[in-house]
């Protein structure tokens, strides 16, 4: 995404959060087609693209992103890129997309009822 955007509207913060500046976006959609995760969406209303910024403004004041606070099951967590991750943290799982070019900071923690290949554990 960073390299494909002709306007250079993407940047990755030190904490791993990818920020998009929609004010500089020309709305060409190149990033939408290039993103292996489907994270970037084109808005017919604005004629530009945008994406989740992981509530970067909240992270900056030591608050959790809203999706993590609102998750009723606690399935979402924020792991700092500056701390050691648990041994169960995986860089990718089946269906996540190709990580070779984008090198995302996302990690997956496998719960007790999932196999590491993404399938359910048989009882």
C-alpha atoms as a PDB file:
ATOM      1  CA  UNK A   1       0.000   0.000   0.000  1.00  0.00           C
ATOM      2  CA  UNK A   2       2.743   2.420   0.873  1.00  0.00           C
ATOM      3  CA  UNK A   3       4.540   2.074  -2.428  1.00  0.00           C
ATOM      4  CA  UNK A   4       1.520   1.765  -4.697  1.00  0.00           C
ATOM      5  CA  UNK A   5      -0.133   5.026  -3.622  1.00  0.00           C
ATOM      6  CA  UNK A   6       0.879   7.709  -6.152  1.00  0.00           C
ATOM      7  CA  UNK A   7       0.045  10.435  -3.601  1.00  0.00           C
ATOM      8  CA  UNK A   8       2.037   8.879  -0.726  1.00  0.00           C
ATOM      9  CA  UNK A   9      -0.917   9.027   1.666  1.00  0.00           C
ATOM     10  CA  UNK A  10       0.099   6.054   3.850  1.00  0.00           C
ATOM     11  CA  UNK A  11       2.622   5.925   6.662  1.00  0.00           C
ATOM     12  CA  UNK A  12       3.374   3.365   9.350  1.00  0.00           C
ATOM     13  CA  UNK A  13       3.890   4.647  12.861  1.00  0.00           C
ATOM     14  CA  UNK A  14       6.600   3.251  15.129  1.00  0.00           C
ATOM     15  CA  UNK A  15       3.894   1.355  17.023  1.00  0.00           C
ATOM     16  CA  UNK A  16       2.890  -0.472  13.819  1.00  0.00           C
ATOM     17  CA  UNK A  17      -0.371   1.396  13.127  1.00  0.00           C
ATOM     18  CA  UNK A  18      -0.839   2.287   9.463  1.00  0.00           C
ATOM     19  CA  UNK A  19      -2.196   5.797   9.012  1.00  0.00           C
ATOM     20  CA  UNK A  20      -3.856   7.081   5.842  1.00  0.00           C
ATOM     21  CA  UNK A  21      -4.251  10.798   5.130  1.00  0.00           C
ATOM     22  CA  UNK A  22      -7.506  11.126   3.162  1.00  0.00           C
ATOM     23  CA  UNK A  23      -6.865  14.862   2.576  1.00  0.00           C
ATOM     24  CA  UNK A  24      -4.059  13.956   0.158  1.00  0.00           C
ATOM     25  CA  UNK A  25      -5.944  11.041  -1.447  1.00  0.00           C
ATOM     26  CA  UNK A  26      -6.786  11.411  -5.145  1.00  0.00           C
ATOM     27  CA  UNK A  27      -9.268   8.516  -4.992  1.00  0.00           C
ATOM     28  CA  UNK A  28      -7.584   6.452  -7.715  1.00  0.00           C
ATOM     29  CA  UNK A  29      -8.261   3.183  -5.828  1.00  0.00           C
ATOM     30  CA  UNK A  30      -4.846   1.652  -6.527  1.00  0.00           C
ATOM     31  CA  UNK A  31      -4.421   0.884  -2.825  1.00  0.00           C
ATOM     32  CA  UNK A  32      -7.833  -0.802  -2.642  1.00  0.00           C
ATOM     33  CA  UNK A  33      -6.813  -3.231  -5.371  1.00  0.00           C
ATOM     34  CA  UNK A  34      -3.349  -3.794  -3.881  1.00  0.00           C
ATOM     35  CA  UNK A  35      -4.341  -4.408  -0.242  1.00  0.00           C
ATOM     36  CA  UNK A  36      -4.381  -8.181   0.427  1.00  0.00           C
ATOM     37  CA  UNK A  37      -6.493  -7.689   3.565  1.00  0.00           C
ATOM     38  CA  UNK A  38      -9.440  -5.714   2.185  1.00  0.00           C
ATOM     39  CA  UNK A  39      -8.773  -3.049   4.822  1.00  0.00           C
ATOM     40  CA  UNK A  40      -9.062  -0.060   2.502  1.00  0.00           C
ATOM     41  CA  UNK A  41     -12.493   1.030   1.326  1.00  0.00           C
ATOM     42  CA  UNK A  42     -13.516   3.469  -1.390  1.00  0.00           C
ATOM     43  CA  UNK A  43     -16.206   5.979  -0.398  1.00  0.00           C
ATOM     44  CA  UNK A  44     -18.699   6.963  -3.079  1.00  0.00           C
ATOM     45  CA  UNK A  45     -19.675   9.904  -0.858  1.00  0.00           C
ATOM     46  CA  UNK A  46     -16.170  11.436  -0.653  1.00  0.00           C
ATOM     47  CA  UNK A  47     -14.617   9.978  -3.802  1.00  0.00           C
ATOM     48  CA  UNK A  48     -11.600   8.942  -1.720  1.00  0.00           C
ATOM     49  CA  UNK A  49     -10.406   5.911   0.193  1.00  0.00           C
ATOM     50  CA  UNK A  50     -10.000   5.466   3.909  1.00  0.00           C
ATOM     51  CA  UNK A  51      -9.216   2.758   6.451  1.00  0.00           C
ATOM     52  CA  UNK A  52      -9.310   2.063  10.154  1.00  0.00           C
ATOM     53  CA  UNK A  53      -6.523   3.875  11.988  1.00  0.00           C
ATOM     54  CA  UNK A  54      -6.816   1.616  15.058  1.00  0.00           C
ATOM     55  CA  UNK A  55      -8.028   4.657  17.028  1.00  0.00           C
ATOM     56  CA  UNK A  56      -4.513   6.135  16.907  1.00  0.00           C
ATOM     57  CA  UNK A  57      -5.692   9.233  18.769  1.00  0.00           C
ATOM     58  CA  UNK A  58      -6.844   7.016  21.645  1.00  0.00           C
ATOM     59  CA  UNK A  59      -3.603   5.012  21.636  1.00  0.00           C
ATOM     60  CA  UNK A  60      -1.682   8.285  21.911  1.00  0.00           C
ATOM     61  CA  UNK A  61      -3.340   8.939  25.291  1.00  0.00           C
ATOM     62  CA  UNK A  62      -3.023   5.329  26.533  1.00  0.00           C
ATOM     63  CA  UNK A  63      -6.613   4.311  25.790  1.00  0.00           C
ATOM     64  CA  UNK A  64      -7.613   1.140  23.946  1.00  0.00           C
ATOM     65  CA  UNK A  65      -9.171   1.258  20.480  1.00  0.00           C
ATOM     66  CA  UNK A  66     -12.967   1.307  20.619  1.00  0.00           C
ATOM     67  CA  UNK A  67     -13.287  -2.116  18.946  1.00  0.00           C
ATOM     68  CA  UNK A  68     -11.226  -3.705  21.720  1.00  0.00           C
ATOM     69  CA  UNK A  69     -13.182  -1.989  24.490  1.00  0.00           C
ATOM     70  CA  UNK A  70     -16.505  -2.902  22.876  1.00  0.00           C
ATOM     71  CA  UNK A  71     -15.721  -6.569  22.137  1.00  0.00           C
ATOM     72  CA  UNK A  72     -18.139  -8.520  24.367  1.00  0.00           C
ATOM     73  CA  UNK A  73     -16.067 -11.713  24.362  1.00  0.00           C
ATOM     74  CA  UNK A  74     -12.632 -10.177  24.892  1.00  0.00           C
ATOM     75  CA  UNK A  75     -11.426 -11.799  21.674  1.00  0.00           C
ATOM     76  CA  UNK A  76      -9.566  -8.652  20.593  1.00  0.00           C
ATOM     77  CA  UNK A  77      -6.395  -7.502  22.352  1.00  0.00           C
ATOM     78  CA  UNK A  78      -3.732  -4.920  21.698  1.00  0.00           C
ATOM     79  CA  UNK A  79      -0.169  -6.233  21.861  1.00  0.00           C
ATOM     80  CA  UNK A  80       2.578  -3.650  21.844  1.00  0.00           C
ATOM     81  CA  UNK A  81       5.174  -4.045  19.095  1.00  0.00           C
ATOM     82  CA  UNK A  82       7.752  -2.984  21.705  1.00  0.00           C
ATOM     83  CA  UNK A  83       7.063  -5.914  24.049  1.00  0.00           C
ATOM     84  CA  UNK A  84       7.731  -9.640  23.839  1.00  0.00           C
ATOM     85  CA  UNK A  85       4.756 -11.502  22.390  1.00  0.00           C
ATOM     86  CA  UNK A  86       3.438 -14.726  23.921  1.00  0.00           C
ATOM     87  CA  UNK A  87       4.698 -17.937  22.274  1.00  0.00           C
ATOM     88  CA  UNK A  88       1.209 -18.552  20.888  1.00  0.00           C
ATOM     89  CA  UNK A  89       1.283 -15.314  18.852  1.00  0.00           C
ATOM     90  CA  UNK A  90       1.247 -16.131  15.149  1.00  0.00           C
ATOM     91  CA  UNK A  91       2.118 -13.755  12.302  1.00  0.00           C
ATOM     92  CA  UNK A  92      -0.566 -15.192  10.037  1.00  0.00           C
ATOM     93  CA  UNK A  93      -3.445 -17.658   9.920  1.00  0.00           C
ATOM     94  CA  UNK A  94      -5.264 -19.232   6.969  1.00  0.00           C
ATOM     95  CA  UNK A  95      -7.269 -16.637   5.062  1.00  0.00           C
ATOM     96  CA  UNK A  96      -5.395 -13.605   6.441  1.00  0.00           C
ATOM     97  CA  UNK A  97      -3.699 -12.573   3.202  1.00  0.00           C
ATOM     98  CA  UNK A  98      -0.141 -12.352   1.972  1.00  0.00           C
ATOM     99  CA  UNK A  99       2.133 -10.742   4.539  1.00  0.00           C
ATOM    100  CA  UNK A 100       5.386 -10.795   2.585  1.00  0.00           C
ATOM    101  CA  UNK A 101       5.032  -7.318   1.063  1.00  0.00           C
ATOM    102  CA  UNK A 102       3.086  -5.534   3.788  1.00  0.00           C
ATOM    103  CA  UNK A 103       4.730  -7.008   6.928  1.00  0.00           C
ATOM    104  CA  UNK A 104       1.745  -6.246   9.199  1.00  0.00           C
ATOM    105  CA  UNK A 105       2.132  -5.798  12.944  1.00  0.00           C
ATOM    106  CA  UNK A 106      -0.999  -7.898  13.548  1.00  0.00           C
ATOM    107  CA  UNK A 107      -0.553 -11.049  15.627  1.00  0.00           C
ATOM    108  CA  UNK A 108      -3.032 -13.854  16.259  1.00  0.00           C
ATOM    109  CA  UNK A 109      -3.326 -15.568  19.631  1.00  0.00           C
ATOM    110  CA  UNK A 110      -4.713 -19.065  19.352  1.00  0.00           C
ATOM    111  CA  UNK A 111      -7.374 -19.879  21.940  1.00  0.00           C
ATOM    112  CA  UNK A 112      -7.871 -23.317  23.469  1.00  0.00           C
ATOM    113  CA  UNK A 113     -10.561 -24.271  20.957  1.00  0.00           C
ATOM    114  CA  UNK A 114      -8.670 -23.521  17.749  1.00  0.00           C
ATOM    115  CA  UNK A 115      -5.856 -25.345  16.025  1.00  0.00           C
ATOM    116  CA  UNK A 116      -2.926 -23.328  14.719  1.00  0.00           C
ATOM    117  CA  UNK A 117      -4.021 -24.091  11.150  1.00  0.00           C
ATOM    118  CA  UNK A 118      -7.296 -22.242  11.835  1.00  0.00           C
ATOM    119  CA  UNK A 119      -9.572 -25.295  12.139  1.00  0.00           C
ATOM    120  CA  UNK A 120     -11.680 -26.260  15.138  1.00  0.00           C
ATOM    121  CA  UNK A 121     -10.287 -28.696  17.666  1.00  0.00           C
ATOM    122  CA  UNK A 122     -12.203 -31.962  17.594  1.00  0.00           C
ATOM    123  CA  UNK A 123     -13.813 -32.842  20.922  1.00  0.00           C
END
